[in-house]
C-alpha atoms as a PDB file:
ATOM      1  CA  MET A   1       0.000   0.000   0.000  1.00  0.00           C
ATOM      2  CA  SER A   2       1.305   3.414  -0.893  1.00  0.00           C
ATOM      3  CA  ASP A   3       2.040   6.199   1.560  1.00  0.00           C
ATOM      4  CA  ASP A   4      -0.834   8.225   0.174  1.00  0.00           C
ATOM      5  CA  TRP A   5      -3.683   6.171   1.640  1.00  0.00           C
ATOM      6  CA  LEU A   6      -6.347   8.640   0.546  1.00  0.00           C
ATOM      7  CA  LEU A   7      -5.332   8.380  -3.111  1.00  0.00           C
ATOM      8  CA  ASP A   8      -5.150   4.594  -2.762  1.00  0.00           C
ATOM      9  CA  ALA A   9      -8.670   4.539  -1.285  1.00  0.00           C
ATOM     10  CA  LYS A  10      -9.994   6.677  -4.147  1.00  0.00           C
ATOM     11  CA  VAL A  11      -8.486   4.303  -6.704  1.00  0.00           C
ATOM     12  CA  ARG A  12     -10.102   1.334  -4.948  1.00  0.00           C
ATOM     13  CA  LEU A  13     -13.474   3.113  -4.890  1.00  0.00           C
ATOM     14  CA  ASP A  14     -13.190   3.891  -8.597  1.00  0.00           C
ATOM     15  CA  ARG A  15     -12.525   0.220  -9.335  1.00  0.00           C
ATOM     16  CA  MET A  16     -15.460  -0.965  -7.236  1.00  0.00           C
ATOM     17  CA  PRO A  17     -18.221  -2.776  -9.188  1.00  0.00           C
ATOM     18  CA  GLU A  18     -21.306  -0.643  -9.892  1.00  0.00           C
ATOM     19  CA  LYS A  19     -23.602  -2.790  -7.725  1.00  0.00           C
ATOM     20  CA  ALA A  20     -21.204  -2.436  -4.777  1.00  0.00           C
ATOM     21  CA  LYS A  21     -21.096   1.339  -5.330  1.00  0.00           C
ATOM     22  CA  GLU A  22     -24.905   1.459  -5.229  1.00  0.00           C
ATOM     23  CA  VAL A  23     -25.006  -0.508  -1.973  1.00  0.00           C
ATOM     24  CA  ARG A  24     -22.286   1.726  -0.501  1.00  0.00           C
ATOM     25  CA  GLU A  25     -24.111   4.927  -1.451  1.00  0.00           C
ATOM     26  CA  GLN A  26     -27.416   3.654  -0.074  1.00  0.00           C
ATOM     27  CA  ALA A  27     -25.743   2.599   3.190  1.00  0.00           C
ATOM     28  CA  MET A  28     -24.135   6.012   3.549  1.00  0.00           C
ATOM     29  CA  ALA A  29     -27.453   7.760   2.908  1.00  0.00           C
ATOM     30  CA  ASP A  30     -29.778   5.566   5.000  1.00  0.00           C
ATOM     31  CA  LEU A  31     -29.023   4.540   8.598  1.00  0.00           C
ATOM     32  CA  SER A  32     -31.658   1.761   8.569  1.00  0.00           C
ATOM     33  CA  PHE A  33     -30.115   0.209   5.452  1.00  0.00           C
ATOM     34  CA  PHE A  34     -26.646   0.540   6.998  1.00  0.00           C
ATOM     35  CA  ALA A  35     -27.851  -1.191  10.187  1.00  0.00           C
ATOM     36  CA  LYS A  36     -29.306  -4.133   8.267  1.00  0.00           C
ATOM     37  CA  LEU A  37     -26.137  -4.373   6.173  1.00  0.00           C
ATOM     38  CA  VAL A  38     -23.601  -4.395   9.014  1.00  0.00           C
ATOM     39  CA  ASN A  39     -25.786  -6.313  11.509  1.00  0.00           C
ATOM     40  CA  PRO A  40     -27.443  -9.031   9.410  1.00  0.00           C
ATOM     41  CA  GLY A  41     -28.258 -11.204  12.444  1.00  0.00           C
ATOM     42  CA  TYR A  42     -30.390  -8.590  14.215  1.00  0.00           C
ATOM     43  CA  MET A  43     -34.156  -8.523  13.951  1.00  0.00           C
ATOM     44  CA  TYR A  44     -35.248  -4.899  13.826  1.00  0.00           C
ATOM     45  CA  GLY A  45     -38.847  -3.879  14.317  1.00  0.00           C
ATOM     46  CA  SER A  46     -40.737  -0.791  13.230  1.00  0.00           C
ATOM     47  CA  VAL A  47     -39.764   1.008  16.452  1.00  0.00           C
ATOM     48  CA  HIS A  48     -36.092   0.549  15.567  1.00  0.00           C
ATOM     49  CA  PHE A  49     -36.530   1.872  12.026  1.00  0.00           C
ATOM     50  CA  GLU A  50     -38.465   4.863  13.358  1.00  0.00           C
ATOM     51  CA  ILE A  51     -35.660   5.627  15.828  1.00  0.00           C
ATOM     52  CA  PHE A  52     -32.998   5.123  13.132  1.00  0.00           C
ATOM     53  CA  ARG A  53     -34.807   7.704  10.945  1.00  0.00           C
ATOM     54  CA  TRP A  54     -34.971  10.070  13.906  1.00  0.00           C
ATOM     55  CA  MET A  55     -31.289   9.542  14.747  1.00  0.00           C
ATOM     56  CA  GLN A  56     -30.326  10.133  11.130  1.00  0.00           C
ATOM     57  CA  GLU A  57     -31.642  13.700  11.394  1.00  0.00           C
ATOM     58  CA  TYR A  58     -28.875  14.586  13.857  1.00  0.00           C
ATOM     59  CA  GLU A  59     -27.243  17.950  13.249  1.00  0.00           C
ATOM     60  CA  LEU A  60     -23.553  17.398  13.846  1.00  0.00           C
ATOM     61  CA  PHE A  61     -21.740  20.150  15.740  1.00  0.00           C
ATOM     62  CA  GLY A  62     -24.998  21.970  16.479  1.00  0.00           C
ATOM     63  CA  ARG A  63     -25.411  23.322  12.943  1.00  0.00           C
ATOM     64  CA  GLY A  64     -29.190  22.912  12.931  1.00  0.00           C
ATOM     65  CA  GLU A  65     -31.959  25.354  13.671  1.00  0.00           C
ATOM     66  CA  ALA A  66     -32.960  23.664  16.941  1.00  0.00           C
ATOM     67  CA  HIS A  67     -31.886  24.943  20.338  1.00  0.00           C
ATOM     68  CA  THR A  68     -29.933  21.729  20.908  1.00  0.00           C
ATOM     69  CA  SER A  69     -28.879  18.753  18.861  1.00  0.00           C
ATOM     70  CA  ASN A  70     -29.091  16.322  21.789  1.00  0.00           C
ATOM     71  CA  LYS A  71     -31.479  13.377  21.559  1.00  0.00           C
ATOM     72  CA  LEU A  72     -32.866  11.020  24.193  1.00  0.00           C
ATOM     73  CA  ILE A  73     -34.042   7.465  23.539  1.00  0.00           C
ATOM     74  CA  MET A  74     -36.278   5.893  26.139  1.00  0.00           C
ATOM     75  CA  LEU A  75     -37.147   2.248  25.537  1.00  0.00           C
ATOM     76  CA  ALA A  76     -37.574  -0.731  27.818  1.00  0.00           C
ATOM     77  CA  ARG A  77     -34.600  -2.860  28.790  1.00  0.00           C
ATOM     78  CA  ALA A  78     -33.217  -5.148  26.067  1.00  0.00           C
ATOM     79  CA  HIS A  79     -34.670  -3.110  23.171  1.00  0.00           C
ATOM     80  CA  LEU A  80     -31.271  -2.491  21.487  1.00  0.00           C
ATOM     81  CA  LYS A  81     -30.767   1.111  22.637  1.00  0.00           C
ATOM     82  CA  SER A  82     -26.989   0.767  23.052  1.00  0.00           C
ATOM     83  CA  HIS A  83     -26.775  -1.279  19.867  1.00  0.00           C
ATOM     84  CA  MET A  84     -28.622   1.419  17.899  1.00  0.00           C
ATOM     85  CA  ILE A  85     -26.306   4.130  19.274  1.00  0.00           C
ATOM     86  CA  ALA A  86     -23.230   2.049  18.387  1.00  0.00           C
ATOM     87  CA  THR A  87     -24.597   1.464  14.878  1.00  0.00           C
ATOM     88  CA  TRP A  88     -25.324   5.192  14.524  1.00  0.00           C
ATOM     89  CA  CYS A  89     -21.745   6.009  15.620  1.00  0.00           C
ATOM     90  CA  ALA A  90     -20.346   3.656  12.979  1.00  0.00           C
ATOM     91  CA  TRP A  91     -22.647   5.235  10.379  1.00  0.00           C
ATOM     92  CA  ILE A  92     -21.536   8.759  11.350  1.00  0.00           C
ATOM     93  CA  ILE A  93     -17.882   7.702  11.039  1.00  0.00           C
ATOM     94  CA  THR A  94     -18.507   6.375   7.521  1.00  0.00           C
ATOM     95  CA  ASN A  95     -20.002   9.755   6.635  1.00  0.00           C
ATOM     96  CA  ILE A  96     -17.503  11.919   8.547  1.00  0.00           C
ATOM     97  CA  GLN A  97     -15.442  12.951   5.508  1.00  0.00           C
ATOM     98  CA  LYS A  98     -18.564  14.270   3.806  1.00  0.00           C
ATOM     99  CA  LEU A  99     -19.672  15.989   7.037  1.00  0.00           C
ATOM    100  CA  LEU A 100     -16.284  17.533   7.706  1.00  0.00           C
ATOM    101  CA  CYS A 101     -16.087  18.856   4.152  1.00  0.00           C
ATOM    102  CA  CYS A 102     -19.481  20.530   4.577  1.00  0.00           C
ATOM    103  CA  THR A 103     -18.470  22.003   7.939  1.00  0.00           C
ATOM    104  CA  TYR A 104     -15.161  23.281   6.527  1.00  0.00           C
ATOM    105  CA  GLN A 105     -16.900  24.876   3.534  1.00  0.00           C
ATOM    106  CA  GLN A 106     -19.451  26.587   5.787  1.00  0.00           C
ATOM    107  CA  ARG A 107     -16.715  28.015   7.991  1.00  0.00           C
ATOM    108  CA  GLN A 108     -14.884  29.382   4.935  1.00  0.00           C
ATOM    109  CA  SER A 109     -18.011  31.240   3.755  1.00  0.00           C
END
């Protein structure tokens, strides 16, 4: 692997089959799809998909119009709360380059 890992990653993405690119783009755009993709053994219900949609609306670094970007999930014990947060964190990390670019561009304006 070359020293320029970012260039190497871009080359690998360019070589990726079209179907894989479609799956990747959908996973990056949709937290519920991402969760099903990375956690194939979990059985999610409608409550989980509703919470995933709600979590996906998070405004990173308080950029939104709301007074706060904090969210609170209250579900009964053993309803995958921690699992959903961990999945959301992984999803945010996969999207962080796109988010950081947006934040950087906004700060430059």
